[in-house]
Structure formats: C-alpha cells, structure tokens
Protein backbone atom coordinates (compact mmCIF):
# COMPACT_ATOMS: atom_id res chain seq x y z
CA MET A 1 -11.01 11.99 27.87
CA ASN A 2 -14.22 13.53 26.46
CA ARG A 3 -17.00 12.68 28.90
CA CYS A 4 -19.27 11.64 26.01
CA VAL A 5 -17.05 8.62 25.49
CA LEU A 6 -16.86 7.82 29.19
CA LEU A 7 -20.66 7.82 29.38
CA GLY A 8 -21.09 5.83 26.17
CA LEU A 9 -23.15 8.63 24.63
CA VAL A 10 -21.28 9.14 21.38
CA PRO A 11 -24.30 9.45 19.02
CA LEU A 12 -26.07 11.86 21.36
CA CYS A 13 -22.94 13.91 21.83
CA LEU A 14 -22.47 14.22 18.10
CA VAL A 15 -25.83 15.96 17.92
CA LEU A 16 -25.10 18.12 20.96
CA LEU A 17 -21.34 18.30 20.56
CA ALA A 18 -21.08 21.75 22.11
CA SER A 19 -22.38 20.37 25.41
CA CYS A 20 -19.60 17.78 25.45
CA ARG A 21 -16.86 20.36 25.66
CA GLU A 22 -14.92 21.11 28.77
CA ASP A 23 -15.97 24.78 28.48
CA ASP A 24 -19.48 26.12 29.01
CA GLY A 25 -20.63 24.91 25.58
CA ALA A 26 -22.59 28.10 24.92
CA THR A 27 -20.66 29.12 21.81
CA ALA A 28 -21.74 27.83 18.41
CA LEU A 29 -19.49 25.07 17.12
CA HIS A 30 -18.74 26.62 13.73
CA PRO A 31 -19.90 29.66 11.70
CA ALA A 32 -23.32 29.06 10.18
CA ASN A 33 -23.00 27.18 6.90
CA GLY A 34 -19.31 28.08 6.66
CA PRO A 35 -16.54 25.87 5.28
CA LEU A 36 -16.09 22.67 7.27
CA TYR A 37 -13.37 20.03 7.13
CA ALA A 38 -13.07 16.66 8.88
CA VAL A 39 -9.83 15.00 9.92
CA ALA A 40 -9.34 11.66 11.67
CA SER A 41 -6.34 10.00 13.28
CA ALA A 42 -5.74 6.85 15.33
CA PHE A 43 -3.51 6.97 18.40
CA PHE A 44 -1.93 3.67 19.42
CA GLY A 45 -1.52 4.11 23.17
CA PRO A 46 -0.41 1.68 25.89
CA ASP A 47 -4.02 1.04 26.88
CA GLY A 48 -5.30 0.48 23.36
CA THR A 49 -6.20 2.49 20.27
CA THR A 50 -8.29 5.67 20.30
CA THR A 51 -9.59 7.40 17.18
CA TYR A 52 -10.03 11.17 17.10
CA VAL A 53 -12.41 12.93 14.68
CA SER A 54 -12.17 16.72 14.53
CA LEU A 55 -14.18 19.25 12.54
CA LEU A 56 -12.20 22.31 11.46
CA ASP A 57 -13.21 25.65 9.93
CA SER A 58 -10.13 25.74 7.69
CA LEU A 59 -6.91 23.93 6.83
CA GLU A 60 -4.78 26.95 7.63
CA PRO A 61 -1.99 26.49 10.22
CA GLN A 62 -3.54 25.69 13.60
CA GLU A 63 -3.48 23.46 16.64
CA VAL A 64 -6.21 20.85 16.98
CA ASP A 65 -8.15 21.19 20.23
CA TYR A 66 -8.62 17.58 21.27
CA THR A 67 -11.00 18.54 24.08
CA ARG A 68 -13.44 19.28 21.26
CA ALA A 69 -12.66 16.18 19.20
CA LEU A 70 -14.86 13.14 19.12
CA GLU A 71 -13.01 10.26 20.80
CA ILE A 72 -13.95 6.76 19.65
CA PRO A 73 -12.59 3.62 21.36
CA GLY A 74 -10.64 1.37 18.98
CA TRP A 75 -9.53 2.06 15.43
CA ALA A 76 -12.62 3.65 13.96
CA ASP A 77 -12.74 5.26 10.53
CA LEU A 78 -14.16 8.31 8.79
CA TRP A 79 -15.48 9.02 5.31
CA VAL A 80 -17.35 11.95 3.80
CA TYR A 81 -19.56 11.53 0.76
CA ASP A 82 -22.47 13.40 -0.81
CA GLY A 83 -22.55 15.93 2.01
CA HIS A 84 -22.79 13.31 4.77
CA VAL A 85 -20.29 12.09 7.33
CA PHE A 86 -19.87 8.33 7.83
CA ILE A 87 -18.09 6.96 10.90
CA SER A 88 -17.35 3.28 11.40
CA SER A 89 -17.15 1.81 14.88
CA GLY A 90 -13.77 0.86 16.24
CA GLU A 91 -15.24 -2.14 18.05
CA ALA A 92 -17.98 -3.59 15.78
CA PRO A 93 -18.62 -3.94 12.00
CA THR A 94 -21.06 -1.02 11.87
CA ILE A 95 -21.22 2.36 10.13
CA THR A 96 -23.23 5.36 11.33
CA LYS A 97 -24.25 8.09 8.90
CA TYR A 98 -24.57 11.73 9.97
CA ALA A 99 -26.18 14.77 8.40
CA VAL A 100 -24.39 18.07 9.00
CA GLY A 101 -26.25 20.81 10.84
CA VAL A 102 -26.00 24.55 10.29
CA HIS A 103 -23.25 24.94 12.91
CA GLY A 104 -21.48 21.67 12.13
CA GLU A 105 -23.59 19.47 14.39
CA LEU A 106 -23.49 15.84 13.30
CA GLU A 107 -27.02 14.49 13.40
CA PRO A 108 -27.49 10.67 13.18
CA ALA A 109 -29.14 9.73 9.88
CA GLY A 110 -28.92 5.94 9.87
CA GLU A 111 -26.80 2.97 10.84
CA ILE A 112 -25.85 -0.27 9.12
CA SER A 113 -24.31 -3.49 10.44
CA PHE A 114 -22.29 -6.03 8.47
CA GLN A 115 -21.93 -8.53 11.31
CA GLN A 116 -23.92 -11.27 9.57
CA TYR A 117 -21.39 -11.28 6.71
CA GLY A 118 -18.45 -12.33 8.86
CA VAL A 119 -16.35 -9.19 8.37
CA VAL A 120 -14.11 -8.06 11.21
CA ASP A 121 -14.83 -4.34 10.87
CA ALA A 122 -16.60 -1.88 8.60
CA ALA A 123 -13.74 0.56 8.14
CA PHE A 124 -13.33 2.37 4.86
CA TRP A 125 -10.08 0.63 4.03
CA SER A 126 -12.49 -2.19 3.06
CA THR A 127 -15.12 -0.05 1.33
CA ILE A 128 -15.55 2.24 -1.66
CA LEU A 129 -18.55 4.52 -2.21
CA VAL A 130 -19.17 4.77 -5.95
CA SER A 131 -22.44 6.74 -5.91
CA SER A 132 -24.97 8.11 -3.44
CA THR A 133 -26.84 4.80 -3.67
CA LYS A 134 -24.09 2.20 -4.16
CA ALA A 135 -21.02 1.12 -2.21
CA TYR A 136 -18.92 -2.04 -2.20
CA MET A 137 -17.33 -3.63 0.84
CA ALA A 138 -14.79 -6.45 0.59
CA GLY A 139 -16.46 -9.50 2.10
CA SER A 140 -14.95 -12.49 3.85
CA GLN A 141 -15.76 -14.92 1.00
CA ASN A 142 -13.91 -13.28 -1.92
CA ASP A 143 -16.96 -11.19 -2.68
CA TYR A 144 -18.32 -7.67 -2.51
CA ILE A 145 -21.08 -6.75 -0.09
CA VAL A 146 -23.22 -4.19 -1.90
CA TRP A 147 -24.83 -1.52 0.26
CA ASN A 148 -26.79 1.68 -0.22
CA PRO A 149 -25.34 4.78 1.51
CA ALA A 150 -28.54 6.77 0.96
CA GLU A 151 -30.83 4.22 2.59
CA MET A 152 -28.15 2.56 4.78
CA THR A 153 -29.32 -0.87 3.65
CA ILE A 154 -27.49 -3.96 2.36
CA GLU A 155 -28.49 -4.96 -1.17
CA GLY A 156 -26.68 -8.32 -1.39
CA THR A 157 -23.34 -9.81 -2.36
CA ILE A 158 -21.42 -10.32 -5.60
CA ALA A 159 -19.04 -13.26 -5.93
CA LEU A 160 -15.67 -12.48 -7.47
CA PRO A 161 -13.64 -14.86 -9.64
CA THR A 162 -11.10 -16.82 -7.62
CA PRO A 163 -7.59 -16.66 -9.11
CA PRO A 164 -5.25 -19.64 -8.84
CA ASP A 165 -4.13 -20.29 -5.28
CA HIS A 166 -0.44 -20.86 -5.94
CA ASP A 167 -0.83 -24.50 -4.85
CA GLY A 168 -2.25 -23.45 -1.50
CA GLU A 169 0.99 -21.84 -0.33
CA TRP A 170 -0.46 -18.35 -0.01
CA ASN A 171 -3.49 -16.46 1.29
CA LEU A 172 -5.50 -14.44 -1.22
CA ARG A 173 -5.83 -10.78 -0.17
CA HIS A 174 -8.00 -7.98 -1.45
CA GLY A 175 -5.99 -4.84 -1.97
CA THR A 176 -6.86 -2.18 0.60
CA ILE A 177 -9.90 -0.71 -1.10
CA ASP A 178 -9.69 2.92 0.03
CA ARG A 179 -6.19 3.32 -1.37
CA ASN A 180 -6.02 0.86 -4.26
CA THR A 181 -9.36 1.08 -6.06
CA VAL A 182 -9.53 3.31 -9.14
CA ILE A 183 -12.64 4.28 -11.12
CA ARG A 184 -12.33 5.21 -14.79
CA ASP A 185 -14.99 5.39 -17.52
CA GLY A 186 -17.60 3.46 -15.56
CA LYS A 187 -15.19 0.71 -14.56
CA MET A 188 -13.56 -0.03 -11.22
CA TYR A 189 -10.00 -1.35 -11.13
CA GLN A 190 -8.95 -3.22 -8.01
CA THR A 191 -5.97 -5.40 -7.14
CA LEU A 192 -5.72 -8.76 -5.42
CA TYR A 193 -2.51 -10.48 -4.36
CA TRP A 194 -1.20 -13.19 -2.09
CA THR A 195 0.80 -13.20 1.14
CA ASP A 196 1.78 -15.63 3.84
CA ASP A 197 0.12 -15.49 7.28
CA SER A 198 2.46 -12.70 8.37
CA TRP A 199 1.64 -10.49 5.33
CA LEU A 200 5.42 -10.12 4.80
CA GLU A 201 6.13 -12.79 2.17
CA PHE A 202 4.48 -12.94 -1.22
CA PRO A 203 4.88 -14.29 -4.76
CA GLN A 204 5.94 -12.16 -7.70
CA ASP A 205 2.52 -11.69 -9.30
CA SER A 206 -0.69 -9.79 -8.52
CA ARG A 207 -4.07 -9.52 -10.24
CA ILE A 208 -6.02 -6.49 -11.41
CA PHE A 209 -9.78 -6.98 -11.62
CA VAL A 210 -11.77 -4.70 -13.95
CA PHE A 211 -15.31 -4.40 -12.62
CA ASP A 212 -18.18 -2.91 -14.63
CA LEU A 213 -20.19 -0.67 -12.29
CA ALA A 214 -23.34 -0.77 -14.41
CA THR A 215 -23.61 -4.56 -14.55
CA ASP A 216 -21.77 -5.48 -11.33
CA THR A 217 -19.60 -7.95 -13.20
CA VAL A 218 -15.87 -8.57 -13.62
CA VAL A 219 -15.15 -7.90 -17.29
CA ALA A 220 -11.39 -8.52 -17.28
CA THR A 221 -8.64 -9.94 -15.09
CA HIS A 222 -5.00 -8.99 -15.65
CA THR A 223 -2.04 -10.94 -14.31
CA VAL A 224 0.87 -8.59 -13.65
CA GLN A 225 4.38 -9.29 -12.41
CA CYS A 226 4.51 -6.84 -9.53
CA PRO A 227 4.04 -8.19 -5.99
CA ALA A 228 1.63 -6.92 -3.32
CA LEU A 229 0.01 -4.17 -5.39
CA ASP A 230 -1.96 -2.20 -2.81
CA VAL A 231 -2.02 1.47 -3.91
CA GLY A 232 -3.74 2.84 -6.99
CA SER A 233 -4.61 6.23 -8.44
CA ARG A 234 -5.35 7.97 -11.73
CA ASP A 235 -4.44 11.36 -13.10
CA ASP A 236 -6.70 13.88 -14.81
CA ALA A 237 -5.89 12.41 -18.23
CA GLY A 238 -7.03 8.95 -17.14
CA ASN A 239 -3.65 7.25 -16.68
CA ILE A 240 -3.72 4.67 -13.87
CA THR A 241 -0.80 3.52 -11.71
CA PHE A 242 -0.71 0.71 -9.15
CA SER A 243 2.14 0.15 -6.71
CA ASN A 244 2.97 -1.47 -3.38
CA TRP A 245 2.36 -0.10 0.09
CA THR A 246 5.23 0.41 2.52
CA GLY A 247 6.27 -2.93 3.96
CA ALA A 248 6.74 -4.65 0.62
CA ASP A 249 9.84 -2.54 0.01
CA MET A 250 11.17 -3.31 3.50
CA ALA A 251 10.47 -7.01 2.91
CA ALA A 252 12.48 -6.89 -0.30
CA LEU A 253 15.35 -5.20 1.52
CA ILE A 254 15.40 -7.25 4.72
CA ILE A 255 13.99 -10.73 4.01
CA ASP A 256 14.78 -11.11 0.31
CA GLN A 257 11.24 -10.84 -1.04
CA PRO A 258 10.44 -9.97 -4.69
CA GLU A 259 11.31 -6.39 -5.57
CA PRO A 260 8.19 -4.20 -5.64
CA CYS A 261 7.33 -2.16 -8.70
CA MET A 262 4.67 -0.11 -10.46
CA ILE A 263 2.15 -1.09 -13.14
CA HIS A 264 0.69 1.59 -15.42
CA ILE A 265 -2.52 1.39 -17.46
CA PRO A 266 -2.42 4.32 -19.91
CA ALA A 267 -5.46 6.43 -20.69
CA GLY A 268 -7.49 4.88 -23.50
CA SER A 269 -5.91 1.46 -22.96
CA GLU A 270 -6.86 -1.67 -21.03
CA THR A 271 -3.39 -3.20 -21.29
CA PRO A 272 -1.16 -3.00 -18.21
CA SER A 273 2.46 -2.02 -18.73
CA ALA A 274 5.52 -4.08 -17.99
CA PRO A 275 6.83 -3.68 -14.43
CA ASP A 276 8.30 -0.24 -13.73
CA TYR A 277 10.84 -0.49 -10.90
CA PHE A 278 11.36 2.42 -8.50
CA PRO A 279 15.19 2.19 -8.47
CA ALA A 280 15.24 3.16 -12.15
CA HIS A 281 13.91 6.59 -11.11
CA THR A 282 15.51 7.04 -7.67
CA GLY A 283 19.16 6.24 -8.13
CA GLY A 284 18.76 2.69 -6.87
CA ARG A 285 16.41 3.19 -3.92
CA LEU A 286 13.22 1.21 -3.35
CA GLY A 287 9.87 2.99 -3.25
CA ALA A 288 6.21 2.66 -2.34
CA ALA A 289 2.76 4.28 -2.21
CA GLY A 290 2.68 6.02 -5.60
CA ARG A 291 -0.20 8.47 -6.00
CA TYR A 292 -0.97 10.95 -8.76
CA ILE A 293 -1.21 14.60 -7.83
CA GLY A 294 -1.72 17.58 -10.13
CA ASN A 295 0.02 18.15 -13.45
CA GLU A 296 0.48 14.43 -14.24
CA THR A 297 2.93 14.05 -11.39
CA LEU A 298 3.36 10.91 -9.30
CA LEU A 299 4.08 11.37 -5.59
CA PHE A 300 5.66 8.43 -3.77
CA SER A 301 7.77 7.39 -0.79
CA VAL A 302 11.44 6.47 -1.20
CA LEU A 303 13.24 4.19 1.26
CA TYR A 304 16.69 5.42 2.32
CA ASP A 305 18.26 2.10 3.25
CA GLU A 306 21.59 3.80 3.93
CA LEU A 307 20.05 5.10 7.17
CA LEU A 308 19.67 1.53 8.45
CA ASP A 309 22.33 -0.51 10.15
CA LEU A 310 21.14 -3.89 8.92
CA THR A 311 22.36 -7.20 10.33
CA PRO A 312 21.25 -10.78 9.63
CA GLU A 313 19.07 -10.51 12.74
CA THR A 314 17.24 -7.35 11.67
CA THR A 315 13.47 -7.81 11.29
CA ILE A 316 10.87 -5.68 9.57
CA ASP A 317 9.39 -4.86 12.98
CA ASP A 318 12.77 -3.40 13.93
CA VAL A 319 12.61 -0.79 11.17
CA SER A 320 8.86 -0.22 10.72
CA GLY A 321 7.90 3.25 11.86
CA GLN A 322 11.43 4.61 11.67
CA LEU A 323 12.15 7.88 9.89
CA ILE A 324 13.71 6.31 6.81
CA TYR A 325 11.54 7.65 3.96
CA LYS A 326 11.40 10.83 1.94
CA LEU A 327 8.66 11.95 -0.43
CA TRP A 328 9.62 12.21 -4.10
CA THR A 329 7.76 13.26 -7.23
CA MET A 330 8.11 11.87 -10.74
CA ASP A 331 7.19 13.52 -14.02
CA THR A 332 5.18 10.74 -15.64
CA ALA A 333 6.00 11.98 -19.15
CA THR A 334 9.77 11.81 -18.67
CA GLY A 335 10.21 9.43 -15.72
CA VAL A 336 12.48 11.99 -14.03
CA ALA A 337 12.08 11.99 -10.25
CA SER A 338 13.40 14.17 -7.44
CA VAL A 339 12.94 14.71 -3.72
CA VAL A 340 10.20 16.98 -2.36
CA ASP A 341 11.68 19.91 -0.46
CA GLY A 342 10.13 20.94 2.84
CA ILE A 343 9.15 17.56 4.29
CA ASP A 344 11.65 15.81 6.51
CA PHE A 345 12.35 12.08 6.83
CA ASN A 346 9.19 10.23 7.85
CA SER A 347 7.64 6.77 8.24
CA GLY A 348 6.65 6.52 4.59
CA ALA A 349 2.94 5.68 4.79
CA PHE A 350 1.64 9.06 3.62
CA ILE A 351 -1.95 9.69 2.47
CA HIS A 352 -2.89 12.18 -0.27
CA TYR A 353 -6.11 14.17 -0.69
CA ALA A 354 -6.94 16.73 -3.39
CA ILE A 355 -9.03 19.44 -1.68
CA ASP A 356 -9.80 22.99 -2.82
CA ASP A 357 -7.44 22.59 -5.82
CA LYS A 358 -4.52 21.76 -3.51
CA ASP A 359 -2.65 18.52 -2.90
CA TYR A 360 -2.64 17.80 0.83
CA VAL A 361 -0.53 15.03 2.32
CA LEU A 362 -0.75 13.46 5.76
CA VAL A 363 2.82 12.44 6.59
CA PRO A 364 3.41 10.06 9.54
CA GLY A 365 6.12 10.58 12.11
CA PRO A 366 8.03 8.05 14.25
CA GLY A 367 6.03 4.98 15.18
CA TYR A 368 2.94 6.39 13.43
CA ASN A 369 2.06 8.25 16.63
CA SER A 370 2.12 11.71 15.07
CA THR A 371 1.22 13.11 11.65
CA GLU A 372 1.99 16.36 9.85
CA LEU A 373 -0.31 17.96 7.28
CA HIS A 374 1.41 19.66 4.32
CA VAL A 375 0.49 20.98 0.89
CA VAL A 376 2.66 19.67 -1.95
CA ASP A 377 3.11 21.86 -5.02
CA GLY A 378 5.42 20.20 -7.53
CA ASN A 379 8.70 19.54 -5.72
CA ASP A 380 7.95 21.96 -2.91
CA ALA A 381 5.94 21.48 0.26
CA SER A 382 4.40 23.97 2.65
CA GLU A 383 5.32 24.30 6.29
CA THR A 384 3.49 21.98 8.63
CA LEU A 385 -0.12 23.18 8.69
CA ILE A 386 -1.46 20.88 11.40
CA ASP A 387 0.15 18.39 13.79
CA LEU A 388 -2.14 15.46 14.52
CA ARG A 389 -2.09 13.07 17.43
CA GLY A 390 -1.55 9.53 16.10
CA TRP A 391 -1.63 8.30 12.52
CA GLY A 392 -3.79 10.60 10.42
CA ILE A 393 -5.27 8.86 7.42
CA ARG A 394 -8.49 10.82 6.69
CA LEU A 395 -9.02 14.41 5.53
CA PHE A 396 -12.16 15.69 3.80
CA ARG A 397 -14.02 18.87 3.01
CA VAL A 398 -17.47 18.36 4.47
CA ARG A 399 -19.02 21.47 2.88
C-alpha cells in the first residue's frame, strides 16, 4: 500500500506525490503542461473497499502503475470540472478540490463538508456540477443541496415536489445523478422512482422532473410507464433517452418485476414517448444502461439470459457480476440494433465518456473486480487499452 495512506497524509502526498512513490521520487510526475487524464476505480477486497486514482499522460495502451496511484480507503469518488480535480472521501461526506500543477501535482484548493445535511457520502453519483459556481447534490429530504465549486461553499437547499407515495408501499429514490441527469437548453432532466427496501422490487412508473437552472424551480413533472429509470443521456441533436440500470432487467427475469424499458424525449419537444422496450430491438433480450454516443447512436447492455441456468431458487445475487452481458448499439433513426464487435461478455454496468472526439467505455469484468477500457466506433471496439483494478467508473481529461 502507498505509504501516504498508511500515514494518513493523503492531502500532503497529493501535493508531493513524487515523494510518495516507491522509487527515489526524483523524476517529474508528468511532462510540463502536457496532456493529463484521470481514472478512478474501486476494488472490493476481503478487508474492505479501496479506491485508486491514477493520473495518466495518455489513453494509449498501457499498464497502470498502482505504486504511483493515490489509494483512498473506502469507496471514494472522482470528478474533473473547469480544470480542477474533485475527490470525495470514501469515509465521510466531504469533497476536496485540487488545482493541477505544471507536472500534474494536485494541490489542495478547498474542502467542503455535507455532514450537517444528513447525507451518507458526497460521491458524485449524488452530485451534478452545472457550472463553475453551481452544483446540486441530492439531499436526504427530497431536496437538492446547492453548492459552489469555485468557492467550495454551500448556498442552501431547494425542496423538490413529492410525488405520490404509492400508498406507502415503496421508498422514493432519486435516480443516480451522475448517470441519469441530462441538461438541455437551460433545463435539467432528472428521474425519480420507487423501490422496496432491497432496491429489487418496484412499481411500473417513474417520474421525470424538469428543473429550470436559472430559477432553481421544477417547471414540469412527467409520469412515465417505465420502472426504475436510472440512466439518461442526450445526443448532439438534443434527443434525450432514459432507461434502467442493470439490476432492473435481472429483477424482471428472475423475480417477475415489471419489464424495464426506455423513454425518449425528442429534440424540440417536452413530451416523453411511450415506453420503448429493449426486446423489440434485440430479438427478445432484455437490456439496460442506454447511453448516446456519436452519430445519433445508442449504446446499451444486453442480457443474454440463455447463459443462465435459472431455477426457482435462483436469486439476483447469484447472477450479479456474472459475464452475461454484451454491448450493443442502436441506430436511433431506424431502431435497428446489433452487437458491438471486439468486447467480450461482461458484467453489464459499463460507463461511457466522450473524450478527444472518441467514445471510451469502461467495461466491468467478473464480480466488478476488474475493468477494461475500450474505444467504441460504431459497431466496432478497439483492443483493451487499459486494464484497471476493481470497478472503473471515472475517466476524465484533466488538461
């Protein structure tokens, strides 16, 4: 383990990261003012979770040197915005902001705590940065906590409308903000839905809130008949699609939950479509995690249930993390979908980032304890560029 972590000196070691290496530390971290990328993954080991944050000079094929990675106890998180690096703690609801030095040194530039608001953590699956001075975090009281990334200060809270509670049978859930919030024409679209305590059973409907960023108000609420909507994206033309995350498809297959589907909001319209079911495009297979990539193409995971030997005793835990998904693309103009060549069966919960005019995907392996980085170009994928330790969910160009 990196001795910075053992000594509890993470902020200091970010400034002097070269001295935290196992080598002599005399070499500059990265070429002066050269390209810099950040990648983060969480490893779920027998003694707990460790998060690794690595800075890379390129995204060309390479091996990550984990002796030079920042190791953070717990499931921490990473975001990059406006030229700064933000890292949330894995053990407390705090975020630390870092400026980037000439050689890639991360220099502390402020910290913020959300502990007084009752949130469990400050990870970016609960937060969206919408400008250099405004970000929203999902609060514990069906509200947004508004904070300022430039000043690292909390500005207040905004109460959200409370949808019907389905007679108290379900728990209201915010969609996971980092992967389901879409901004279009000054408005933010975000889903809410309901589950039971296990997060595995849910009613048929979800809600889509339309939030005006200038006035901080909800200007519309749409009721849609797709369950557990938790992934959203938009294409270059402004078309929006929401779909389920992995898990909802397994619940439909194994414990007879409502069949997941997609909802589209076309460019220039505020009217959601009727449910669009994955099997109509995949020859009968369930799907999840739809995300737009270039050329008005939707990338999504497809569940190959024929790989499972299901019995009445099979549980979702039994199949979660198994290599039972393939990535597919769909032409949104025609609805024609086909498998992506070059990426093998995987765990389904891929993450997409558009960087340097390329579509990068982080594709999880068995048990989410390894991740491959690929570039997807239409129906073709590159060779594995980088193998990550653990579940990789963050990839950014820092400069």
